[in-house]
Amino acid sequence: MGSTLMLAVVFDFDLVAFALAIAAEQRRASARIVQDCQILRYSHKIYPNQFCLLPT
């Protein structure tokens, strides 16, 4: 009885950890690098909700 309950609790924790890992992977930002035509010293990293300028 006790080992079955413990197995269920551990399984639930594993399931929650797996769901949190999947959610974290989906939230991680992906970027694409675009060259600026006028200012060739900079390339833009464009994120889904923001961008930043990095010198090349």
Protein backbone atom coordinates (compact mmCIF):
# COMPACT_ATOMS: atom_id res chain seq x y z
CA MET A 1 0.00 0.00 0.00
CA GLY A 2 2.72 2.46 1.01
CA SER A 3 4.94 1.63 -1.95
CA THR A 4 2.02 2.08 -4.36
CA LEU A 5 1.29 5.52 -2.93
CA MET A 6 4.98 6.44 -3.13
CA LEU A 7 5.14 5.27 -6.74
CA ALA A 8 2.10 7.40 -7.60
CA VAL A 9 3.60 10.49 -5.92
CA VAL A 10 6.94 10.05 -7.71
CA PHE A 11 5.16 9.54 -11.03
CA ASP A 12 3.14 12.73 -10.50
CA PHE A 13 6.30 14.72 -9.73
CA ASP A 14 7.96 13.33 -12.85
CA LEU A 15 4.94 14.26 -14.95
CA VAL A 16 4.91 17.82 -13.60
CA ALA A 17 8.67 18.17 -14.20
CA PHE A 18 8.25 16.94 -17.77
CA ALA A 19 5.41 19.40 -18.42
CA LEU A 20 7.48 22.28 -17.02
CA ALA A 21 10.44 21.31 -19.21
CA ILE A 22 8.24 21.28 -22.32
CA ALA A 23 6.79 24.68 -21.41
CA ALA A 24 10.27 26.13 -20.84
CA GLU A 25 11.47 24.89 -24.23
CA GLN A 26 8.50 26.49 -25.98
CA ARG A 27 9.09 29.83 -24.25
CA ARG A 28 12.78 29.97 -25.13
CA ALA A 29 13.45 32.75 -27.61
CA SER A 30 14.66 31.95 -31.07
CA ALA A 31 16.48 34.56 -33.11
CA ARG A 32 17.40 35.19 -36.72
CA ILE A 33 20.30 37.40 -37.82
CA VAL A 34 19.58 40.04 -40.46
CA GLN A 35 22.23 42.28 -42.05
CA ASP A 36 21.45 45.99 -42.17
CA CYS A 37 21.81 47.45 -45.67
CA GLN A 38 22.81 50.95 -44.57
CA ILE A 39 24.95 50.20 -41.50
CA LEU A 40 27.06 47.17 -42.34
CA ARG A 41 28.94 47.28 -39.03
CA TYR A 42 25.92 45.97 -37.17
CA SER A 43 23.78 42.92 -37.52
CA HIS A 44 20.37 42.75 -35.97
CA LYS A 45 19.29 39.84 -33.85
CA ILE A 46 15.53 39.83 -34.18
CA TYR A 47 13.63 38.06 -31.43
CA PRO A 48 9.89 37.42 -31.51
CA ASN A 49 9.11 40.32 -29.16
CA GLN A 50 12.28 42.45 -29.15
CA PHE A 51 15.53 43.15 -30.98
CA CYS A 52 19.00 44.32 -30.08
CA LEU A 53 22.01 45.63 -32.00
CA LEU A 54 25.30 43.81 -31.68
CA PRO A 55 28.53 45.03 -33.29
CA THR A 56 30.02 42.49 -35.68
